[in-house]
Amino acid sequence: MRIDEIKAQIDDHVEVIALVQRDLLTPIGDCARQLTEVLGAGRKLLVMGNGGSAADAQHFAAELVGRFLLERRPLPAIALTTDTSILTAVGNDYGFEEVFSRQVEALAVPGDLVLGISTSGNSANVIRALEVAKTRGCVTAGLLGRDGGRIASLVDFPLTVPCQQTPRIQEAHQLIIHIICDLVEKELFAAPEGEG
């Protein structure tokens, strides 16, 4: 094993996380505040992505439905990446671009937050689902990479990691997901100071 190659990858990771810290503190806070309002109002999160971003979508939903750090009631979040019967039926009958939009059309109500994860910002099926979400009166957000692609200008809350390397973007997305879960959980469930 070449230690210099391992170190170079860690250095790249640290550099991208520094960019997140420099550029995304306010956007992350704004998105977390919006998700807190959505969940506090009894609405839900619908989240989606392809490949590694599909895994991140499932991770995000699991942290909210299960728990992040606090013992509390479950929060309504659905990863649109998990039902193989829906994905294969819609993909076969309507095309892969519709695998998420059909679910948004079926499940979303006004006031829900629909979040797309795309390292390029240009995933056609995520774009289509976000377009449908807007027509249904949903709040929209994107966890994105590179320059944000088409999704950055489509969503209400774009969180764009300014990096070209997909693995580094995905690592930053995981950090952002954890930060948002922590902020939402604390805002909705942590006892105010002096109580407890």
Protein backbone atom coordinates (compact mmCIF):
# COMPACT_ATOMS: atom_id res chain seq x y z
CA MET A 1 0.00 0.00 0.00
CA ARG A 2 1.25 3.44 -0.86
CA ILE A 3 0.92 5.70 2.15
CA ASP A 4 1.26 8.82 -0.01
CA GLU A 5 -1.86 7.86 -1.98
CA ILE A 6 -3.84 7.28 1.20
CA LYS A 7 -2.68 10.63 2.58
CA ALA A 8 -3.58 12.38 -0.69
CA GLN A 9 -7.16 11.09 -0.49
CA ILE A 10 -7.48 12.19 3.13
CA ASP A 11 -6.05 15.60 2.20
CA ASP A 12 -8.64 15.89 -0.61
CA HIS A 13 -11.41 15.02 1.87
CA VAL A 14 -10.24 17.63 4.36
CA GLU A 15 -10.04 20.25 1.61
CA VAL A 16 -13.63 19.59 0.48
CA ILE A 17 -14.94 19.69 4.05
CA ALA A 18 -13.17 23.05 4.46
CA LEU A 19 -15.09 24.27 1.38
CA VAL A 20 -18.34 23.12 2.98
CA GLN A 21 -17.42 25.04 6.12
CA ARG A 22 -16.52 28.13 4.09
CA ASP A 23 -19.49 28.20 1.71
CA LEU A 24 -22.42 26.23 3.13
CA LEU A 25 -22.94 27.10 6.80
CA THR A 26 -25.87 29.44 6.12
CA PRO A 27 -27.48 27.29 3.37
CA ILE A 28 -27.27 24.20 5.61
CA GLY A 29 -28.84 26.13 8.47
CA ASP A 30 -31.59 27.47 6.20
CA CYS A 31 -32.40 23.98 4.88
CA ALA A 32 -32.41 22.50 8.39
CA ARG A 33 -34.73 25.29 9.58
CA GLN A 34 -37.11 24.61 6.70
CA LEU A 35 -37.11 20.85 7.32
CA THR A 36 -37.77 21.53 11.01
CA GLU A 37 -40.80 23.64 10.07
CA VAL A 38 -42.05 20.97 7.65
CA LEU A 39 -41.75 18.12 10.16
CA GLY A 40 -43.04 20.26 13.01
CA ALA A 41 -46.16 20.98 10.96
CA GLY A 42 -46.82 17.25 10.50
CA ARG A 43 -45.57 17.09 6.92
CA LYS A 44 -42.89 14.73 5.64
CA LEU A 45 -39.58 14.46 3.84
CA LEU A 46 -39.37 12.61 0.52
CA VAL A 47 -35.77 12.00 -0.55
CA MET A 48 -34.19 10.36 -3.59
CA GLY A 49 -31.00 9.81 -5.57
CA ASN A 50 -29.22 7.26 -7.77
CA GLY A 51 -26.39 4.86 -6.89
CA GLY A 52 -24.42 6.13 -3.90
CA SER A 53 -26.92 8.97 -3.62
CA ALA A 54 -29.71 6.39 -3.29
CA ALA A 55 -27.84 4.99 -0.30
CA ASP A 56 -27.54 8.51 1.11
CA ALA A 57 -31.29 9.01 0.64
CA GLN A 58 -32.00 5.83 2.60
CA HIS A 59 -29.52 6.89 5.28
CA PHE A 60 -31.23 10.29 5.65
CA ALA A 61 -34.69 8.73 5.99
CA ALA A 62 -33.41 6.14 8.48
CA GLU A 63 -31.90 8.80 10.75
CA LEU A 64 -35.26 10.61 10.92
CA VAL A 65 -37.58 7.62 11.23
CA GLY A 66 -35.29 5.85 13.71
CA ARG A 67 -33.26 8.37 15.61
CA PHE A 68 -30.09 10.37 15.21
CA LEU A 69 -28.80 11.04 18.74
CA LEU A 70 -31.88 11.79 20.83
CA GLU A 71 -34.55 9.37 22.02
CA ARG A 72 -37.73 10.82 20.52
CA ARG A 73 -40.75 9.99 18.40
CA PRO A 74 -40.11 8.96 14.80
CA LEU A 75 -40.22 11.64 12.12
CA PRO A 76 -41.93 11.02 8.76
CA ALA A 77 -39.35 10.51 6.02
CA ILE A 78 -39.51 8.26 2.97
CA ALA A 79 -36.63 7.28 0.68
CA LEU A 80 -38.07 6.85 -2.81
CA THR A 81 -35.21 4.49 -3.68
CA THR A 82 -36.23 1.42 -1.71
CA ASP A 83 -39.31 -0.21 -3.23
CA THR A 84 -37.99 -2.45 -6.00
CA SER A 85 -41.48 -3.31 -7.23
CA ILE A 86 -42.34 0.36 -7.77
CA LEU A 87 -38.94 1.16 -9.27
CA THR A 88 -39.02 -1.72 -11.73
CA ALA A 89 -42.70 -1.37 -12.62
CA VAL A 90 -42.48 2.36 -13.26
CA GLY A 91 -39.11 2.00 -14.98
CA ASN A 92 -40.51 -0.68 -17.27
CA ASP A 93 -43.88 0.95 -17.98
CA TYR A 94 -42.96 4.65 -18.05
CA GLY A 95 -39.16 4.85 -18.26
CA PHE A 96 -36.40 5.36 -15.73
CA GLU A 97 -36.87 9.14 -15.74
CA GLU A 98 -40.25 8.64 -14.03
CA VAL A 99 -39.25 6.28 -11.19
CA PHE A 100 -39.23 9.08 -8.61
CA SER A 101 -41.77 11.49 -10.10
CA ARG A 102 -44.56 8.89 -10.01
CA GLN A 103 -43.90 8.38 -6.32
CA VAL A 104 -43.87 12.12 -5.65
CA GLU A 105 -47.17 12.42 -7.51
CA ALA A 106 -48.62 9.62 -5.40
CA LEU A 107 -47.25 10.58 -1.99
CA ALA A 108 -46.49 14.30 -1.80
CA VAL A 109 -48.90 16.82 -0.34
CA PRO A 110 -48.50 20.61 -0.18
CA GLY A 111 -45.98 21.56 2.48
CA ASP A 112 -43.87 18.40 2.23
CA LEU A 113 -40.16 18.78 1.55
CA VAL A 114 -38.84 16.87 -1.46
CA LEU A 115 -35.06 16.57 -1.55
CA GLY A 116 -33.01 15.28 -4.46
CA ILE A 117 -29.43 14.07 -4.11
CA SER A 118 -27.28 14.28 -7.24
CA THR A 119 -23.50 14.65 -7.36
CA SER A 120 -23.75 16.12 -10.87
CA GLY A 121 -26.92 18.11 -10.27
CA ASN A 122 -28.21 16.75 -13.58
CA SER A 123 -29.88 13.40 -12.81
CA ALA A 124 -32.90 13.34 -15.12
CA ASN A 125 -35.15 11.30 -12.83
CA VAL A 126 -34.38 13.57 -9.86
CA ILE A 127 -35.06 16.69 -11.95
CA ARG A 128 -38.39 15.28 -13.10
CA ALA A 129 -39.44 14.46 -9.53
CA LEU A 130 -38.51 17.93 -8.28
CA GLU A 131 -40.52 19.50 -11.10
CA VAL A 132 -43.55 17.46 -10.06
CA ALA A 133 -42.96 18.39 -6.41
CA LYS A 134 -43.15 22.09 -7.30
CA THR A 135 -46.49 21.61 -9.05
CA ARG A 136 -47.81 19.94 -5.87
CA GLY A 137 -46.87 22.84 -3.61
CA CYS A 138 -43.88 21.18 -1.98
CA VAL A 139 -40.70 22.79 -0.72
CA THR A 140 -37.70 21.51 -2.70
CA ALA A 141 -34.04 21.04 -1.84
CA GLY A 142 -30.98 19.52 -3.44
CA LEU A 143 -27.77 17.98 -2.15
CA LEU A 144 -25.55 18.59 -5.15
CA GLY A 145 -21.98 18.67 -6.39
CA ARG A 146 -19.79 20.35 -8.99
CA ASP A 147 -21.62 23.55 -10.09
CA GLY A 148 -25.04 22.31 -8.94
CA GLY A 149 -26.17 21.47 -12.47
CA ARG A 150 -29.76 22.03 -13.52
CA ILE A 151 -31.10 21.19 -10.08
CA ALA A 152 -29.41 24.16 -8.37
CA SER A 153 -31.67 26.66 -10.14
CA LEU A 154 -34.75 24.44 -9.78
CA VAL A 155 -34.89 23.97 -6.00
CA ASP A 156 -35.66 26.32 -3.12
CA PHE A 157 -32.65 25.15 -1.08
CA PRO A 158 -29.60 24.14 -3.15
CA LEU A 159 -26.69 22.73 -1.11
CA THR A 160 -23.87 22.46 -3.63
CA VAL A 161 -20.49 20.97 -2.71
CA PRO A 162 -18.05 22.73 -5.07
CA CYS A 163 -15.95 19.71 -6.01
CA GLN A 164 -15.50 17.60 -9.15
CA GLN A 165 -14.76 14.24 -7.48
CA THR A 166 -17.83 12.11 -6.84
CA PRO A 167 -16.43 10.27 -3.77
CA ARG A 168 -15.50 13.54 -2.06
CA ILE A 169 -18.92 15.04 -2.88
CA GLN A 170 -20.63 11.99 -1.37
CA GLU A 171 -18.51 12.24 1.78
CA ALA A 172 -19.54 15.89 2.16
CA HIS A 173 -23.18 14.97 1.56
CA GLN A 174 -23.03 12.48 4.42
CA LEU A 175 -21.66 15.17 6.73
CA ILE A 176 -24.39 17.60 5.66
CA ILE A 177 -27.09 14.97 6.24
CA HIS A 178 -25.77 14.35 9.75
CA ILE A 179 -25.64 18.08 10.53
CA ILE A 180 -29.22 18.59 9.31
CA CYS A 181 -30.48 15.61 11.33
CA ASP A 182 -28.74 16.93 14.44
CA LEU A 183 -30.17 20.45 14.02
CA VAL A 184 -33.70 19.20 13.32
CA GLU A 185 -33.66 16.79 16.24
CA LYS A 186 -32.38 19.39 18.69
CA GLU A 187 -34.85 22.02 17.53
CA LEU A 188 -37.86 19.71 17.76
CA PHE A 189 -36.97 17.63 20.82
CA ALA A 190 -34.19 19.07 22.98
CA ALA A 191 -35.43 20.56 26.24
CA PRO A 192 -34.83 24.31 26.53
CA GLU A 193 -31.94 25.32 28.76
CA GLY A 194 -32.93 25.24 32.40
CA GLU A 195 -35.43 22.39 31.85
CA GLY A 196 -34.80 18.73 32.27
